[in-house]
Amino acid sequence: MPGTIVVGVDGSSASLAALRWAAEEARLRDARLIAVHAWTFVPMAPLAEPGLIPMGAGDVVGTLEAEREAAEAELDAALAGAFSGEPPVEIERKLVEDDPAEALERESKQADLVVVGSRGRSRIAAALLGSVSKHVIDHAPCPVVVVKSEG
């Protein structure tokens, strides 16, 4: 029975390298490939929020929808830009509103393999800034492959 490979896609060169690697691995394993793009909506601060510039409430529902559409366009662009021709396998798209590390950890529970890109940060920078790949390595119940950027 074919397995499932999950790959995190954020449009960076490292995630595109991870997507290409995951697609080839899925082809070799005859596995299902799921490309996960996580995004978060940060609403504007309400009027009189301390330390922030006051702005009107605006159309929160419309803004949320616009953010979701922008995230979907980013995923579309990443999938289109990752391959010079057709990808070697069918890629299932999954757009989720969540923290990327948490989304990939959750998706890893139904996967046989998770693939993520490496930002190429130093250990100190990764410790200070946090790291999606580090979180996934530490929390995924399945094997994780971290692919370095080709550039």
C-alpha atoms as a PDB file:
ATOM      1  CA  MET A   1       0.000   0.000   0.000  1.00  0.00           C
ATOM      2  CA  PRO A   2       1.520   3.342  -1.006  1.00  0.00           C
ATOM      3  CA  GLY A   3       2.393   5.723   1.789  1.00  0.00           C
ATOM      4  CA  THR A   4       1.928   9.450   2.238  1.00  0.00           C
ATOM      5  CA  ILE A   5       4.607  12.132   2.048  1.00  0.00           C
ATOM      6  CA  VAL A   6       3.903  15.606   3.411  1.00  0.00           C
ATOM      7  CA  VAL A   7       6.005  18.564   2.303  1.00  0.00           C
ATOM      8  CA  GLY A   8       5.954  22.082   3.723  1.00  0.00           C
ATOM      9  CA  VAL A   9       5.795  24.803   1.065  1.00  0.00           C
ATOM     10  CA  ASP A  10       6.227  28.501   1.777  1.00  0.00           C
ATOM     11  CA  GLY A  11       7.569  29.728  -1.554  1.00  0.00           C
ATOM     12  CA  SER A  12      11.188  30.042  -0.394  1.00  0.00           C
ATOM     13  CA  SER A  13      13.981  28.493  -2.437  1.00  0.00           C
ATOM     14  CA  ALA A  14      14.518  25.943   0.352  1.00  0.00           C
ATOM     15  CA  SER A  15      10.859  24.882   0.306  1.00  0.00           C
ATOM     16  CA  LEU A  16      10.894  24.590  -3.493  1.00  0.00           C
ATOM     17  CA  ALA A  17      13.962  22.331  -3.235  1.00  0.00           C
ATOM     18  CA  ALA A  18      12.081  20.301  -0.594  1.00  0.00           C
ATOM     19  CA  LEU A  19       9.047  20.086  -2.892  1.00  0.00           C
ATOM     20  CA  ARG A  20      11.145  18.804  -5.804  1.00  0.00           C
ATOM     21  CA  TRP A  21      12.861  16.252  -3.539  1.00  0.00           C
ATOM     22  CA  ALA A  22       9.530  15.108  -2.064  1.00  0.00           C
ATOM     23  CA  ALA A  23       7.951  14.771  -5.515  1.00  0.00           C
ATOM     24  CA  GLU A  24      10.790  12.574  -6.738  1.00  0.00           C
ATOM     25  CA  GLU A  25      10.654  10.490  -3.554  1.00  0.00           C
ATOM     26  CA  ALA A  26       6.875  10.101  -3.939  1.00  0.00           C
ATOM     27  CA  ARG A  27       7.434   8.924  -7.525  1.00  0.00           C
ATOM     28  CA  LEU A  28      10.001   6.361  -6.400  1.00  0.00           C
ATOM     29  CA  ARG A  29       7.761   5.083  -3.587  1.00  0.00           C
ATOM     30  CA  ASP A  30       4.522   5.373  -5.573  1.00  0.00           C
ATOM     31  CA  ALA A  31       3.328   7.463  -2.625  1.00  0.00           C
ATOM     32  CA  ARG A  32       0.720  10.164  -2.226  1.00  0.00           C
ATOM     33  CA  LEU A  33       2.239  13.679  -1.964  1.00  0.00           C
ATOM     34  CA  ILE A  34       0.589  16.462   0.028  1.00  0.00           C
ATOM     35  CA  ALA A  35       1.991  20.006  -0.241  1.00  0.00           C
ATOM     36  CA  VAL A  36       1.050  21.974   2.882  1.00  0.00           C
ATOM     37  CA  HIS A  37       1.084  25.766   2.929  1.00  0.00           C
ATOM     38  CA  ALA A  38       0.279  27.320   6.308  1.00  0.00           C
ATOM     39  CA  TRP A  39      -0.653  30.942   6.779  1.00  0.00           C
ATOM     40  CA  THR A  40      -1.785  33.075   9.670  1.00  0.00           C
ATOM     41  CA  PHE A  41      -4.170  36.000   9.823  1.00  0.00           C
ATOM     42  CA  VAL A  42      -3.160  38.802  12.146  1.00  0.00           C
ATOM     43  CA  PRO A  43      -6.059  41.246  12.458  1.00  0.00           C
ATOM     44  CA  MET A  44      -5.406  44.945  12.691  1.00  0.00           C
ATOM     45  CA  ALA A  45      -5.135  46.324  16.212  1.00  0.00           C
ATOM     46  CA  PRO A  46      -8.302  47.978  17.495  1.00  0.00           C
ATOM     47  CA  LEU A  47      -8.400  51.700  18.112  1.00  0.00           C
ATOM     48  CA  ALA A  48      -6.527  52.814  21.217  1.00  0.00           C
ATOM     49  CA  GLU A  49      -4.411  49.651  21.539  1.00  0.00           C
ATOM     50  CA  PRO A  50      -1.337  50.801  23.525  1.00  0.00           C
ATOM     51  CA  GLY A  51       1.776  51.289  21.412  1.00  0.00           C
ATOM     52  CA  LEU A  52       0.092  50.762  18.056  1.00  0.00           C
ATOM     53  CA  ILE A  53      -1.127  53.138  15.386  1.00  0.00           C
ATOM     54  CA  PRO A  54      -4.919  53.459  15.621  1.00  0.00           C
ATOM     55  CA  MET A  55      -6.797  52.201  12.584  1.00  0.00           C
ATOM     56  CA  GLY A  56     -10.453  51.653  11.878  1.00  0.00           C
ATOM     57  CA  ALA A  57     -11.870  48.161  12.331  1.00  0.00           C
ATOM     58  CA  GLY A  58     -12.417  47.758   8.599  1.00  0.00           C
ATOM     59  CA  ASP A  59     -13.797  44.698   6.903  1.00  0.00           C
ATOM     60  CA  VAL A  60     -12.309  41.832   8.928  1.00  0.00           C
ATOM     61  CA  VAL A  61     -14.147  39.133   6.968  1.00  0.00           C
ATOM     62  CA  GLY A  62     -13.072  40.676   3.657  1.00  0.00           C
ATOM     63  CA  THR A  63      -9.497  41.061   4.881  1.00  0.00           C
ATOM     64  CA  LEU A  64      -9.433  37.449   6.079  1.00  0.00           C
ATOM     65  CA  GLU A  65     -10.690  36.267   2.690  1.00  0.00           C
ATOM     66  CA  ALA A  66      -8.095  38.415   0.904  1.00  0.00           C
ATOM     67  CA  GLU A  67      -5.337  36.934   3.081  1.00  0.00           C
ATOM     68  CA  ARG A  68      -6.551  33.406   2.330  1.00  0.00           C
ATOM     69  CA  GLU A  69      -6.635  34.162  -1.408  1.00  0.00           C
ATOM     70  CA  ALA A  70      -3.101  35.594  -1.219  1.00  0.00           C
ATOM     71  CA  ALA A  71      -1.902  32.443   0.560  1.00  0.00           C
ATOM     72  CA  GLU A  72      -3.576  30.284  -2.074  1.00  0.00           C
ATOM     73  CA  ALA A  73      -1.905  32.310  -4.853  1.00  0.00           C
ATOM     74  CA  GLU A  74       1.443  31.875  -3.085  1.00  0.00           C
ATOM     75  CA  LEU A  75       0.932  28.096  -2.975  1.00  0.00           C
ATOM     76  CA  ASP A  76      -0.102  28.063  -6.654  1.00  0.00           C
ATOM     77  CA  ALA A  77       3.011  30.057  -7.600  1.00  0.00           C
ATOM     78  CA  ALA A  78       5.277  27.768  -5.590  1.00  0.00           C
ATOM     79  CA  LEU A  79       3.840  24.629  -7.183  1.00  0.00           C
ATOM     80  CA  ALA A  80       4.076  26.149 -10.663  1.00  0.00           C
ATOM     81  CA  GLY A  81       7.601  27.459 -10.118  1.00  0.00           C
ATOM     82  CA  ALA A  82       9.111  24.339  -8.560  1.00  0.00           C
ATOM     83  CA  PHE A  83       9.183  22.277 -11.747  1.00  0.00           C
ATOM     84  CA  SER A  84      10.380  23.110 -15.250  1.00  0.00           C
ATOM     85  CA  GLY A  85       7.622  20.919 -16.669  1.00  0.00           C
ATOM     86  CA  GLU A  86       4.998  18.699 -15.125  1.00  0.00           C
ATOM     87  CA  PRO A  87       5.757  17.374 -11.639  1.00  0.00           C
ATOM     88  CA  PRO A  88       6.672  13.671 -11.556  1.00  0.00           C
ATOM     89  CA  VAL A  89       3.585  12.895  -9.423  1.00  0.00           C
ATOM     90  CA  GLU A  90       0.180  14.336  -8.679  1.00  0.00           C
ATOM     91  CA  ILE A  91       0.420  16.833  -5.826  1.00  0.00           C
ATOM     92  CA  GLU A  92      -2.456  17.292  -3.412  1.00  0.00           C
ATOM     93  CA  ARG A  93      -2.640  20.893  -2.199  1.00  0.00           C
ATOM     94  CA  LYS A  94      -3.472  21.689   1.415  1.00  0.00           C
ATOM     95  CA  LEU A  95      -3.913  25.277   2.555  1.00  0.00           C
ATOM     96  CA  VAL A  96      -4.263  25.693   6.321  1.00  0.00           C
ATOM     97  CA  GLU A  97      -4.648  28.698   8.574  1.00  0.00           C
ATOM     98  CA  ASP A  98      -2.161  27.844  11.304  1.00  0.00           C
ATOM     99  CA  ASP A  99       1.401  28.242  12.465  1.00  0.00           C
ATOM    100  CA  PRO A 100       3.593  26.378   9.928  1.00  0.00           C
ATOM    101  CA  ALA A 101       5.389  24.274  12.551  1.00  0.00           C
ATOM    102  CA  GLU A 102       2.128  23.276  14.232  1.00  0.00           C
ATOM    103  CA  ALA A 103       0.437  22.527  10.894  1.00  0.00           C
ATOM    104  CA  LEU A 104       3.266  20.243   9.756  1.00  0.00           C
ATOM    105  CA  GLU A 105       3.379  18.516  13.131  1.00  0.00           C
ATOM    106  CA  ARG A 106      -0.365  17.806  12.869  1.00  0.00           C
ATOM    107  CA  GLU A 107      -0.052  16.595   9.248  1.00  0.00           C
ATOM    108  CA  SER A 108       2.863  14.335  10.222  1.00  0.00           C
ATOM    109  CA  LYS A 109       0.494  12.194  12.279  1.00  0.00           C
ATOM    110  CA  GLN A 110      -1.033  10.783   9.065  1.00  0.00           C
ATOM    111  CA  ALA A 111       2.222  10.706   7.083  1.00  0.00           C
ATOM    112  CA  ASP A 112       4.984   8.198   6.500  1.00  0.00           C
ATOM    113  CA  LEU A 113       7.507  10.971   5.819  1.00  0.00           C
ATOM    114  CA  VAL A 114       7.644  14.760   6.232  1.00  0.00           C
ATOM    115  CA  VAL A 115       9.922  16.881   4.058  1.00  0.00           C
ATOM    116  CA  VAL A 116      10.860  20.455   4.926  1.00  0.00           C
ATOM    117  CA  GLY A 117      13.333  22.967   3.603  1.00  0.00           C
ATOM    118  CA  SER A 118      16.224  24.348   5.596  1.00  0.00           C
ATOM    119  CA  ARG A 119      16.639  28.089   5.774  1.00  0.00           C
ATOM    120  CA  GLY A 120      20.367  27.610   6.197  1.00  0.00           C
ATOM    121  CA  ARG A 121      20.520  29.637   9.418  1.00  0.00           C
ATOM    122  CA  SER A 122      23.376  29.259  11.835  1.00  0.00           C
ATOM    123  CA  ARG A 123      22.621  27.388  15.051  1.00  0.00           C
ATOM    124  CA  ILE A 124      22.532  30.641  16.988  1.00  0.00           C
ATOM    125  CA  ALA A 125      20.134  32.340  14.549  1.00  0.00           C
ATOM    126  CA  ALA A 126      17.874  29.292  14.479  1.00  0.00           C
ATOM    127  CA  ALA A 127      17.789  29.222  18.279  1.00  0.00           C
ATOM    128  CA  LEU A 128      16.944  32.906  18.490  1.00  0.00           C
ATOM    129  CA  LEU A 129      14.463  33.038  15.634  1.00  0.00           C
ATOM    130  CA  GLY A 130      12.890  29.596  15.947  1.00  0.00           C
ATOM    131  CA  SER A 131      12.842  26.980  13.245  1.00  0.00           C
ATOM    132  CA  VAL A 132       9.979  25.149  11.569  1.00  0.00           C
ATOM    133  CA  SER A 133      12.271  22.303  10.557  1.00  0.00           C
ATOM    134  CA  LYS A 134      13.628  21.958  14.120  1.00  0.00           C
ATOM    135  CA  HIS A 135      10.092  21.852  15.531  1.00  0.00           C
ATOM    136  CA  VAL A 136       9.025  19.203  13.018  1.00  0.00           C
ATOM    137  CA  ILE A 137      12.135  17.108  13.701  1.00  0.00           C
ATOM    138  CA  ASP A 138      11.444  17.264  17.432  1.00  0.00           C
ATOM    139  CA  HIS A 139       7.691  16.548  17.265  1.00  0.00           C
ATOM    140  CA  ALA A 140       6.832  14.490  14.176  1.00  0.00           C
ATOM    141  CA  PRO A 141       6.038  10.822  14.871  1.00  0.00           C
ATOM    142  CA  CYS A 142       7.439   9.836  11.457  1.00  0.00           C
ATOM    143  CA  PRO A 143      10.814  10.332   9.754  1.00  0.00           C
ATOM    144  CA  VAL A 144      11.661  13.882   8.648  1.00  0.00           C
ATOM    145  CA  VAL A 145      13.926  14.920   5.776  1.00  0.00           C
ATOM    146  CA  VAL A 146      15.385  18.434   5.778  1.00  0.00           C
ATOM    147  CA  VAL A 147      16.436  19.579   2.309  1.00  0.00           C
ATOM    148  CA  LYS A 148      18.999  22.349   1.954  1.00  0.00           C
ATOM    149  CA  SER A 149      18.337  25.102  -0.547  1.00  0.00           C
ATOM    150  CA  GLU A 150      19.882  24.598  -3.957  1.00  0.00           C
ATOM    151  CA  GLY A 151      21.005  28.217  -4.055  1.00  0.00           C
END
